Amino acid sequence: NSLKPEDTAVYYCAAYSTTVSNYASTTSRAYEYWGQGT
């Protein structure tokens, strides 16, 4: 919401398998799988 011109980019979805339910990394190198970008 409230999008700004500086939000312009290709957005990628990413995921990694984990047994830890209450945490998600904020660094890209932790993510194993990626979408093609939109």
PDB file of all heavy atoms in Angstrom:
ATOM      1  N   ASN A   1       0.837  -1.198   0.000  1.00  0.00           N
ATOM      2  CA  ASN A   1       0.000   0.000   0.000  1.00  0.00           C
ATOM      3  C   ASN A   1       0.874   1.251   0.000  1.00  0.00           C
ATOM      4  O   ASN A   1       2.066   1.177   0.311  1.00  0.00           O
ATOM      5  CB  ASN A   1      -0.915   0.003   1.221  1.00  0.00           C
ATOM      6  CG  ASN A   1      -1.875  -1.169   1.250  1.00  0.00           C
ATOM      7  OD1 ASN A   1      -2.295  -1.664   0.204  1.00  0.00           O
ATOM      8  ND2 ASN A   1      -2.228  -1.625   2.441  1.00  0.00           N
ATOM      9  N   SER A   2       0.274   2.364  -0.317  1.00  0.00           N
ATOM     10  CA  SER A   2       0.983   3.652  -0.324  1.00  0.00           C
ATOM     11  C   SER A   2       2.290   3.543  -1.099  1.00  0.00           C
ATOM     12  O   SER A   2       3.348   3.985  -0.632  1.00  0.00           O
ATOM     13  CB  SER A   2       1.249   4.118   1.118  1.00  0.00           C
ATOM     14  OG  SER A   2       0.048   4.225   1.839  1.00  0.00           O
ATOM     15  N   LEU A   3       2.225   2.984  -2.266  1.00  0.00           N
ATOM     16  CA  LEU A   3       3.433   2.741  -3.049  1.00  0.00           C
ATOM     17  C   LEU A   3       4.079   4.041  -3.494  1.00  0.00           C
ATOM     18  O   LEU A   3       3.398   5.043  -3.787  1.00  0.00           O
ATOM     19  CB  LEU A   3       3.103   1.874  -4.262  1.00  0.00           C
ATOM     20  CG  LEU A   3       2.946   0.378  -3.926  1.00  0.00           C
ATOM     21  CD1 LEU A   3       2.183  -0.349  -5.023  1.00  0.00           C
ATOM     22  CD2 LEU A   3       4.309  -0.253  -3.712  1.00  0.00           C
ATOM     23  N   LYS A   4       5.400   4.001  -3.532  1.00  0.00           N
ATOM     24  CA  LYS A   4       6.209   5.159  -3.903  1.00  0.00           C
ATOM     25  C   LYS A   4       7.037   4.814  -5.140  1.00  0.00           C
ATOM     26  O   LYS A   4       7.331   3.639  -5.382  1.00  0.00           O
ATOM     27  CB  LYS A   4       7.151   5.521  -2.758  1.00  0.00           C
ATOM     28  CG  LYS A   4       6.475   5.755  -1.424  1.00  0.00           C
ATOM     29  CD  LYS A   4       7.503   5.988  -0.332  1.00  0.00           C
ATOM     30  CE  LYS A   4       6.854   6.190   1.022  1.00  0.00           C
ATOM     31  NZ  LYS A   4       7.871   6.418   2.090  1.00  0.00           N
ATOM     32  N   PRO A   5       7.468   5.820  -5.893  1.00  0.00           N
ATOM     33  CA  PRO A   5       8.324   5.520  -7.053  1.00  0.00           C
ATOM     34  C   PRO A   5       9.572   4.718  -6.690  1.00  0.00           C
ATOM     35  O   PRO A   5      10.016   3.879  -7.485  1.00  0.00           O
ATOM     36  CB  PRO A   5       8.682   6.913  -7.573  1.00  0.00           C
ATOM     37  CG  PRO A   5       7.507   7.757  -7.190  1.00  0.00           C
ATOM     38  CD  PRO A   5       7.087   7.232  -5.832  1.00  0.00           C
ATOM     39  N   GLU A   6      10.102   4.930  -5.496  1.00  0.00           N
ATOM     40  CA  GLU A   6      11.294   4.187  -5.093  1.00  0.00           C
ATOM     41  C   GLU A   6      11.012   2.722  -4.779  1.00  0.00           C
ATOM     42  O   GLU A   6      11.948   1.948  -4.522  1.00  0.00           O
ATOM     43  CB  GLU A   6      11.968   4.857  -3.884  1.00  0.00           C
ATOM     44  CG  GLU A   6      11.044   5.154  -2.726  1.00  0.00           C
ATOM     45  CD  GLU A   6      10.530   6.588  -2.742  1.00  0.00           C
ATOM     46  OE1 GLU A   6      10.157   7.094  -3.846  1.00  0.00           O
ATOM     47  OE2 GLU A   6      10.473   7.199  -1.659  1.00  0.00           O
ATOM     48  N   ASP A   7       9.756   2.317  -4.795  1.00  0.00           N
ATOM     49  CA  ASP A   7       9.419   0.899  -4.658  1.00  0.00           C
ATOM     50  C   ASP A   7       9.530   0.163  -5.987  1.00  0.00           C
ATOM     51  O   ASP A   7       9.385  -1.067  -6.029  1.00  0.00           O
ATOM     52  CB  ASP A   7       8.002   0.740  -4.105  1.00  0.00           C
ATOM     53  CG  ASP A   7       7.856   1.238  -2.685  1.00  0.00           C
ATOM     54  OD1 ASP A   7       8.759   0.969  -1.862  1.00  0.00           O
ATOM     55  OD2 ASP A   7       6.837   1.908  -2.395  1.00  0.00           O
ATOM     56  N   THR A   8       9.755   0.890  -7.057  1.00  0.00           N
ATOM     57  CA  THR A   8       9.885   0.270  -8.366  1.00  0.00           C
ATOM     58  C   THR A   8      11.073  -0.685  -8.397  1.00  0.00           C
ATOM     59  O   THR A   8      12.192  -0.303  -8.059  1.00  0.00           O
ATOM     60  CB  THR A   8      10.060   1.345  -9.453  1.00  0.00           C
ATOM     61  OG1 THR A   8       8.873   2.137  -9.518  1.00  0.00           O
ATOM     62  CG2 THR A   8      10.331   0.715 -10.809  1.00  0.00           C
ATOM     63  N   ALA A   9      10.800  -1.926  -8.768  1.00  0.00           N
ATOM     64  CA  ALA A   9      11.842  -2.957  -8.776  1.00  0.00           C
ATOM     65  C   ALA A   9      11.246  -4.256  -9.303  1.00  0.00           C
ATOM     66  O   ALA A   9      10.020  -4.374  -9.461  1.00  0.00           O
ATOM     67  CB  ALA A   9      12.386  -3.183  -7.372  1.00  0.00           C
ATOM     68  N   VAL A  10      12.121  -5.221  -9.539  1.00  0.00           N
ATOM     69  CA  VAL A  10      11.673  -6.592  -9.740  1.00  0.00           C
ATOM     70  C   VAL A  10      11.606  -7.241  -8.364  1.00  0.00           C
ATOM     71  O   VAL A  10      12.581  -7.206  -7.606  1.00  0.00           O
ATOM     72  CB  VAL A  10      12.627  -7.374 -10.659  1.00  0.00           C
ATOM     73  CG1 VAL A  10      12.162  -8.818 -10.782  1.00  0.00           C
ATOM     74  CG2 VAL A  10      12.694  -6.711 -12.039  1.00  0.00           C
ATOM     75  N   TYR A  11      10.463  -7.812  -8.050  1.00  0.00           N
ATOM     76  CA  TYR A  11      10.251  -8.441  -6.753  1.00  0.00           C
ATOM     77  C   TYR A  11      10.371  -9.953  -6.897  1.00  0.00           C
ATOM     78  O   TYR A  11       9.770 -10.558  -7.786  1.00  0.00           O
ATOM     79  CB  TYR A  11       8.875  -8.063  -6.204  1.00  0.00           C
ATOM     80  CG  TYR A  11       8.828  -6.662  -5.652  1.00  0.00           C
ATOM     81  CD1 TYR A  11       8.920  -5.557  -6.493  1.00  0.00           C
ATOM     82  CD2 TYR A  11       8.726  -6.435  -4.286  1.00  0.00           C
ATOM     83  CE1 TYR A  11       8.909  -4.265  -5.990  1.00  0.00           C
ATOM     84  CE2 TYR A  11       8.701  -5.148  -3.767  1.00  0.00           C
ATOM     85  CZ  TYR A  11       8.802  -4.077  -4.619  1.00  0.00           C
ATOM     86  OH  TYR A  11       8.779  -2.796  -4.114  1.00  0.00           O
ATOM     87  N   TYR A  12      11.159 -10.543  -5.993  1.00  0.00           N
ATOM     88  CA  TYR A  12      11.415 -11.979  -6.018  1.00  0.00           C
ATOM     89  C   TYR A  12      10.881 -12.634  -4.750  1.00  0.00           C
ATOM     90  O   TYR A  12      11.125 -12.158  -3.641  1.00  0.00           O
ATOM     91  CB  TYR A  12      12.917 -12.250  -6.111  1.00  0.00           C
ATOM     92  CG  TYR A  12      13.559 -11.768  -7.374  1.00  0.00           C
ATOM     93  CD1 TYR A  12      14.104 -10.486  -7.450  1.00  0.00           C
ATOM     94  CD2 TYR A  12      13.637 -12.582  -8.490  1.00  0.00           C
ATOM     95  CE1 TYR A  12      14.705 -10.028  -8.616  1.00  0.00           C
ATOM     96  CE2 TYR A  12      14.239 -12.140  -9.660  1.00  0.00           C
ATOM     97  CZ  TYR A  12      14.769 -10.871  -9.708  1.00  0.00           C
ATOM     98  OH  TYR A  12      15.365 -10.423 -10.864  1.00  0.00           O
ATOM     99  N   CYS A  13      10.199 -13.727  -4.938  1.00  0.00           N
ATOM    100  CA  CYS A  13       9.792 -14.580  -3.829  1.00  0.00           C
ATOM    101  C   CYS A  13      10.915 -15.575  -3.560  1.00  0.00           C
ATOM    102  O   CYS A  13      11.585 -16.041  -4.504  1.00  0.00           O
ATOM    103  CB  CYS A  13       8.504 -15.310  -4.197  1.00  0.00           C
ATOM    104  SG  CYS A  13       7.901 -16.450  -2.955  1.00  0.00           S
ATOM    105  N   ALA A  14      11.120 -15.914  -2.301  1.00  0.00           N
ATOM    106  CA  ALA A  14      12.181 -16.848  -1.935  1.00  0.00           C
ATOM    107  C   ALA A  14      11.726 -17.720  -0.776  1.00  0.00           C
ATOM    108  O   ALA A  14      10.853 -17.317   0.007  1.00  0.00           O
ATOM    109  CB  ALA A  14      13.451 -16.082  -1.563  1.00  0.00           C
ATOM    110  N   ALA A  15      12.347 -18.893  -0.647  1.00  0.00           N
ATOM    111  CA  ALA A  15      11.971 -19.823   0.416  1.00  0.00           C
ATOM    112  C   ALA A  15      13.147 -20.717   0.794  1.00  0.00           C
ATOM    113  O   ALA A  15      14.042 -20.958  -0.018  1.00  0.00           O
ATOM    114  CB  ALA A  15      10.790 -20.684  -0.033  1.00  0.00           C
ATOM    115  N   TYR A  16      13.120 -21.192   2.031  1.00  0.00           N
ATOM    116  CA  TYR A  16      14.057 -22.236   2.436  1.00  0.00           C
ATOM    117  C   TYR A  16      13.371 -23.169   3.406  1.00  0.00           C
ATOM    118  O   TYR A  16      12.511 -22.749   4.181  1.00  0.00           O
ATOM    119  CB  TYR A  16      15.355 -21.663   3.021  1.00  0.00           C
ATOM    120  CG  TYR A  16      15.255 -20.916   4.320  1.00  0.00           C
ATOM    121  CD1 TYR A  16      15.386 -21.567   5.546  1.00  0.00           C
ATOM    122  CD2 TYR A  16      15.053 -19.542   4.329  1.00  0.00           C
ATOM    123  CE1 TYR A  16      15.316 -20.863   6.741  1.00  0.00           C
ATOM    124  CE2 TYR A  16      14.973 -18.833   5.520  1.00  0.00           C
ATOM    125  CZ  TYR A  16      15.111 -19.496   6.713  1.00  0.00           C
ATOM    126  OH  TYR A  16      15.031 -18.801   7.908  1.00  0.00           O
ATOM    127  N   SER A  17      13.770 -24.414   3.361  1.00  0.00           N
ATOM    128  CA  SER A  17      13.215 -25.431   4.238  1.00  0.00           C
ATOM    129  C   SER A  17      13.792 -25.271   5.636  1.00  0.00           C
ATOM    130  O   SER A  17      14.998 -25.048   5.798  1.00  0.00           O
ATOM    131  CB  SER A  17      13.539 -26.819   3.692  1.00  0.00           C
ATOM    132  OG  SER A  17      13.032 -27.819   4.556  1.00  0.00           O
ATOM    133  N   THR A  18      12.940 -25.380   6.652  1.00  0.00           N
ATOM    134  CA  THR A  18      13.406 -25.199   8.014  1.00  0.00           C
ATOM    135  C   THR A  18      12.524 -25.941   9.001  1.00  0.00           C
ATOM    136  O   THR A  18      11.341 -26.179   8.736  1.00  0.00           O
ATOM    137  CB  THR A  18      13.432 -23.696   8.364  1.00  0.00           C
ATOM    138  OG1 THR A  18      13.895 -23.529   9.708  1.00  0.00           O
ATOM    139  CG2 THR A  18      12.038 -23.086   8.263  1.00  0.00           C
ATOM    140  N   THR A  19      13.109 -26.293  10.134  1.00  0.00           N
ATOM    141  CA  THR A  19      12.329 -26.887  11.222  1.00  0.00           C
ATOM    142  C   THR A  19      12.029 -25.851  12.296  1.00  0.00           C
ATOM    143  O   THR A  19      11.353 -26.154  13.281  1.00  0.00           O
ATOM    144  CB  THR A  19      13.084 -28.061  11.849  1.00  0.00           C
ATOM    145  OG1 THR A  19      14.347 -27.582  12.336  1.00  0.00           O
ATOM    146  CG2 THR A  19      13.302 -29.177  10.835  1.00  0.00           C
ATOM    147  N   VAL A  20      12.536 -24.643  12.119  1.00  0.00           N
ATOM    148  CA  VAL A  20      12.338 -23.567  13.084  1.00  0.00           C
ATOM    149  C   VAL A  20      11.119 -22.765  12.671  1.00  0.00           C
ATOM    150  O   VAL A  20      11.116 -22.110  11.623  1.00  0.00           O
ATOM    151  CB  VAL A  20      13.579 -22.654  13.166  1.00  0.00           C
ATOM    152  CG1 VAL A  20      13.341 -21.519  14.151  1.00  0.00           C
ATOM    153  CG2 VAL A  20      14.801 -23.474  13.556  1.00  0.00           C
ATOM    154  N   SER A  21      10.087 -22.778  13.476  1.00  0.00           N
ATOM    155  CA  SER A  21       8.837 -22.147  13.074  1.00  0.00           C
ATOM    156  C   SER A  21       8.787 -20.657  13.341  1.00  0.00           C
ATOM    157  O   SER A  21       8.065 -19.926  12.667  1.00  0.00           O
ATOM    158  CB  SER A  21       7.668 -22.817  13.816  1.00  0.00           C
ATOM    159  OG  SER A  21       7.769 -22.580  15.212  1.00  0.00           O
ATOM    160  N   ASN A  22       9.567 -20.197  14.322  1.00  0.00           N
ATOM    161  CA  ASN A  22       9.398 -18.823  14.789  1.00  0.00           C
ATOM    162  C   ASN A  22      10.509 -17.900  14.313  1.00  0.00           C
ATOM    163  O   ASN A  22      10.896 -16.965  15.008  1.00  0.00           O
ATOM    164  CB  ASN A  22       9.298 -18.786  16.308  1.00  0.00           C
ATOM    165  CG  ASN A  22      10.536 -19.370  16.973  1.00  0.00           C
ATOM    166  OD1 ASN A  22      11.408 -19.917  16.304  1.00  0.00           O
ATOM    167  ND2 ASN A  22      10.612 -19.243  18.279  1.00  0.00           N
ATOM    168  N   TYR A  23      11.034 -18.165  13.134  1.00  0.00           N
ATOM    169  CA  TYR A  23      12.107 -17.329  12.605  1.00  0.00           C
ATOM    170  C   TYR A  23      12.158 -17.432  11.086  1.00  0.00           C
ATOM    171  O   TYR A  23      11.866 -18.487  10.512  1.00  0.00           O
ATOM    172  CB  TYR A  23      13.453 -17.749  13.182  1.00  0.00           C
ATOM    173  CG  TYR A  23      14.620 -17.000  12.591  1.00  0.00           C
ATOM    174  CD1 TYR A  23      14.866 -15.674  12.932  1.00  0.00           C
ATOM    175  CD2 TYR A  23      15.462 -17.604  11.662  1.00  0.00           C
ATOM    176  CE1 TYR A  23      15.911 -14.967  12.368  1.00  0.00           C
ATOM    177  CE2 TYR A  23      16.510 -16.907  11.099  1.00  0.00           C
ATOM    178  CZ  TYR A  23      16.745 -15.602  11.460  1.00  0.00           C
ATOM    179  OH  TYR A  23      17.776 -14.908  10.901  1.00  0.00           O
ATOM    180  N   ALA A  24      12.524 -16.322  10.442  1.00  0.00           N
ATOM    181  CA  ALA A  24      12.807 -16.318   9.009  1.00  0.00           C
ATOM    182  C   ALA A  24      13.974 -15.377   8.772  1.00  0.00           C
ATOM    183  O   ALA A  24      13.976 -14.250   9.281  1.00  0.00           O
ATOM    184  CB  ALA A  24      11.595 -15.867   8.205  1.00  0.00           C
ATOM    185  N   SER A  25      14.952 -15.822   8.033  1.00  0.00           N
ATOM    186  CA  SER A  25      16.130 -15.002   7.768  1.00  0.00           C
ATOM    187  C   SER A  25      15.781 -13.785   6.906  1.00  0.00           C
ATOM    188  O   SER A  25      14.858 -13.826   6.088  1.00  0.00           O
ATOM    189  CB  SER A  25      17.189 -15.840   7.056  1.00  0.00           C
ATOM    190  OG  SER A  25      18.311 -15.062   6.726  1.00  0.00           O
ATOM    191  N   THR A  26      16.550 -12.720   7.095  1.00  0.00           N
ATOM    192  CA  THR A  26      16.385 -11.523   6.263  1.00  0.00           C
ATOM    193  C   THR A  26      17.527 -11.371   5.263  1.00  0.00           C
ATOM    194  O   THR A  26      17.629 -10.345   4.592  1.00  0.00           O
ATOM    195  CB  THR A  26      16.296 -10.263   7.132  1.00  0.00           C
ATOM    196  OG1 THR A  26      17.501 -10.146   7.888  1.00  0.00           O
ATOM    197  CG2 THR A  26      15.107 -10.339   8.085  1.00  0.00           C
ATOM    198  N   THR A  27      18.372 -12.385   5.160  1.00  0.00           N
ATOM    199  CA  THR A  27      19.491 -12.334   4.232  1.00  0.00           C
ATOM    200  C   THR A  27      19.261 -13.288   3.068  1.00  0.00           C
ATOM    201  O   THR A  27      18.847 -14.436   3.263  1.00  0.00           O
ATOM    202  CB  THR A  27      20.814 -12.679   4.927  1.00  0.00           C
ATOM    203  OG1 THR A  27      20.692 -13.993   5.493  1.00  0.00           O
ATOM    204  CG2 THR A  27      21.115 -11.700   6.041  1.00  0.00           C
ATOM    205  N   SER A  28      19.565 -12.842   1.875  1.00  0.00           N
ATOM    206  CA  SER A  28      19.253 -13.618   0.676  1.00  0.00           C
ATOM    207  C   SER A  28      20.012 -14.937   0.617  1.00  0.00           C
ATOM    208  O   SER A  28      19.493 -15.923   0.071  1.00  0.00           O
ATOM    209  CB  SER A  28      19.532 -12.785  -0.577  1.00  0.00           C
ATOM    210  OG  SER A  28      20.893 -12.423  -0.644  1.00  0.00           O
ATOM    211  N   ARG A  29      21.190 -15.003   1.185  1.00  0.00           N
ATOM    212  CA  ARG A  29      21.989 -16.228   1.049  1.00  0.00           C
ATOM    213  C   ARG A  29      21.379 -17.399   1.829  1.00  0.00           C
ATOM    214  O   ARG A  29      21.737 -18.552   1.594  1.00  0.00           O
ATOM    215  CB  ARG A  29      23.424 -15.989   1.510  1.00  0.00           C
ATOM    216  CG  ARG A  29      23.588 -15.596   2.951  1.00  0.00           C
ATOM    217  CD  ARG A  29      25.059 -15.399   3.303  1.00  0.00           C
ATOM    218  NE  ARG A  29      25.244 -14.976   4.678  1.00  0.00           N
ATOM    219  CZ  ARG A  29      25.267 -13.707   5.046  1.00  0.00           C
ATOM    220  NH1 ARG A  29      25.112 -12.750   4.153  1.00  0.00           N
ATOM    221  NH2 ARG A  29      25.444 -13.396   6.316  1.00  0.00           N
ATOM    222  N   ALA A  30      20.449 -17.109   2.723  1.00  0.00           N
ATOM    223  CA  ALA A  30      19.789 -18.195   3.471  1.00  0.00           C
ATOM    224  C   ALA A  30      18.740 -18.913   2.627  1.00  0.00           C
ATOM    225  O   ALA A  30      18.345 -20.026   2.946  1.00  0.00           O
ATOM    226  CB  ALA A  30      19.136 -17.633   4.728  1.00  0.00           C
ATOM    227  N   TYR A  31      18.318 -18.292   1.549  1.00  0.00           N
ATOM    228  CA  TYR A  31      17.187 -18.808   0.784  1.00  0.00           C
ATOM    229  C   TYR A  31      17.655 -19.716  -0.352  1.00  0.00           C
ATOM    230  O   TYR A  31      18.504 -19.356  -1.154  1.00  0.00           O
ATOM    231  CB  TYR A  31      16.334 -17.640   0.265  1.00  0.00           C
ATOM    232  CG  TYR A  31      15.577 -17.009   1.401  1.00  0.00           C
ATOM    233  CD1 TYR A  31      16.184 -16.076   2.240  1.00  0.00           C
ATOM    234  CD2 TYR A  31      14.275 -17.380   1.681  1.00  0.00           C
ATOM    235  CE1 TYR A  31      15.506 -15.533   3.322  1.00  0.00           C
ATOM    236  CE2 TYR A  31      13.579 -16.841   2.755  1.00  0.00           C
ATOM    237  CZ  TYR A  31      14.206 -15.927   3.572  1.00  0.00           C
ATOM    238  OH  TYR A  31      13.531 -15.395   4.642  1.00  0.00           O
ATOM    239  N   GLU A  32      17.044 -20.899  -0.381  1.00  0.00           N
ATOM    240  CA  GLU A  32      17.437 -21.927  -1.341  1.00  0.00           C
ATOM    241  C   GLU A  32      16.697 -21.800  -2.665  1.00  0.00           C
ATOM    242  O   GLU A  32      17.225 -22.153  -3.722  1.00  0.00           O
ATOM    243  CB  GLU A  32      17.124 -23.317  -0.778  1.00  0.00           C
ATOM    244  CG  GLU A  32      17.769 -23.645   0.561  1.00  0.00           C
ATOM    245  CD  GLU A  32      17.218 -24.942   1.101  1.00  0.00           C
ATOM    246  OE1 GLU A  32      17.744 -26.015   0.782  1.00  0.00           O
ATOM    247  OE2 GLU A  32      16.207 -24.861   1.856  1.00  0.00           O
ATOM    248  N   TYR A  33      15.461 -21.369  -2.607  1.00  0.00           N
ATOM    249  CA  TYR A  33      14.602 -21.409  -3.783  1.00  0.00           C
ATOM    250  C   TYR A  33      14.071 -20.015  -4.085  1.00  0.00           C
ATOM    251  O   TYR A  33      13.742 -19.247  -3.174  1.00  0.00           O
ATOM    252  CB  TYR A  33      13.438 -22.378  -3.546  1.00  0.00           C
ATOM    253  CG  TYR A  33      13.886 -23.717  -3.037  1.00  0.00           C
ATOM    254  CD1 TYR A  33      13.578 -24.141  -1.749  1.00  0.00           C
ATOM    255  CD2 TYR A  33      14.639 -24.561  -3.841  1.00  0.00           C
ATOM    256  CE1 TYR A  33      14.007 -25.358  -1.274  1.00  0.00           C
ATOM    257  CE2 TYR A  33      15.072 -25.788  -3.369  1.00  0.00           C
ATOM    258  CZ  TYR A  33      14.755 -26.186  -2.091  1.00  0.00           C
ATOM    259  OH  TYR A  33      15.187 -27.400  -1.631  1.00  0.00           O
ATOM    260  N   TRP A  34      13.978 -19.726  -5.370  1.00  0.00           N
ATOM    261  CA  TRP A  34      13.596 -18.388  -5.815  1.00  0.00           C
ATOM    262  C   TRP A  34      12.573 -18.465  -6.943  1.00  0.00           C
ATOM    263  O   TRP A  34      12.564 -19.408  -7.734  1.00  0.00           O
ATOM    264  CB  TRP A  34      14.831 -17.632  -6.314  1.00  0.00           C
ATOM    265  CG  TRP A  34      15.792 -17.327  -5.210  1.00  0.00           C
ATOM    266  CD1 TRP A  34      16.726 -18.157  -4.673  1.00  0.00           C
ATOM    267  CD2 TRP A  34      15.885 -16.096  -4.484  1.00  0.00           C
ATOM    268  NE1 TRP A  34      17.406 -17.514  -3.658  1.00  0.00           N
ATOM    269  CE2 TRP A  34      16.915 -16.253  -3.518  1.00  0.00           C
ATOM    270  CE3 TRP A  34      15.212 -14.878  -4.548  1.00  0.00           C
ATOM    271  CZ2 TRP A  34      17.267 -15.229  -2.643  1.00  0.00           C
ATOM    272  CZ3 TRP A  34      15.568 -13.866  -3.677  1.00  0.00           C
ATOM    273  CH2 TRP A  34      16.591 -14.050  -2.730  1.00  0.00           C
ATOM    274  N   GLY A  35      11.726 -17.434  -6.989  1.00  0.00           N
ATOM    275  CA  GLY A  35      10.830 -17.281  -8.115  1.00  0.00           C
ATOM    276  C   GLY A  35      11.524 -16.562  -9.254  1.00  0.00           C
ATOM    277  O   GLY A  35      12.671 -16.134  -9.138  1.00  0.00           O
ATOM    278  N   GLN A  36      10.811 -16.414 -10.356  1.00  0.00           N
ATOM    279  CA  GLN A  36      11.396 -15.816 -11.558  1.00  0.00           C
ATOM    280  C   GLN A  36      11.407 -14.287 -11.489  1.00  0.00           C
ATOM    281  O   GLN A  36      12.074 -13.632 -12.289  1.00  0.00           O
ATOM    282  CB  GLN A  36      10.609 -16.269 -12.801  1.00  0.00           C
ATOM    283  CG  GLN A  36       9.275 -15.572 -13.026  1.00  0.00           C
ATOM    284  CD  GLN A  36       8.168 -16.069 -12.115  1.00  0.00           C
ATOM    285  OE1 GLN A  36       8.370 -16.944 -11.263  1.00  0.00           O
ATOM    286  NE2 GLN A  36       6.965 -15.529 -12.308  1.00  0.00           N
ATOM    287  N   GLY A  37      10.696 -13.717 -10.530  1.00  0.00           N
ATOM    288  CA  GLY A  37      10.636 -12.270 -10.391  1.00  0.00           C
ATOM    289  C   GLY A  37       9.433 -11.687 -11.101  1.00  0.00           C
ATOM    290  O   GLY A  37       9.015 -12.171 -12.154  1.00  0.00           O
ATOM    291  N   THR A  38       8.867 -10.641 -10.517  1.00  0.00           N
ATOM    292  CA  THR A  38       7.740  -9.939 -11.126  1.00  0.00           C
ATOM    293  C   THR A  38       7.992  -8.433 -11.004  1.00  0.00           C
ATOM    294  O   THR A  38       8.418  -7.947  -9.964  1.00  0.00           O
ATOM    295  CB  THR A  38       6.408 -10.346 -10.478  1.00  0.00           C
ATOM    296  OG1 THR A  38       5.319  -9.733 -11.168  1.00  0.00           O
ATOM    297  CG2 THR A  38       6.345  -9.965  -9.003  1.00  0.00           C
TER     298      THR A  38
END
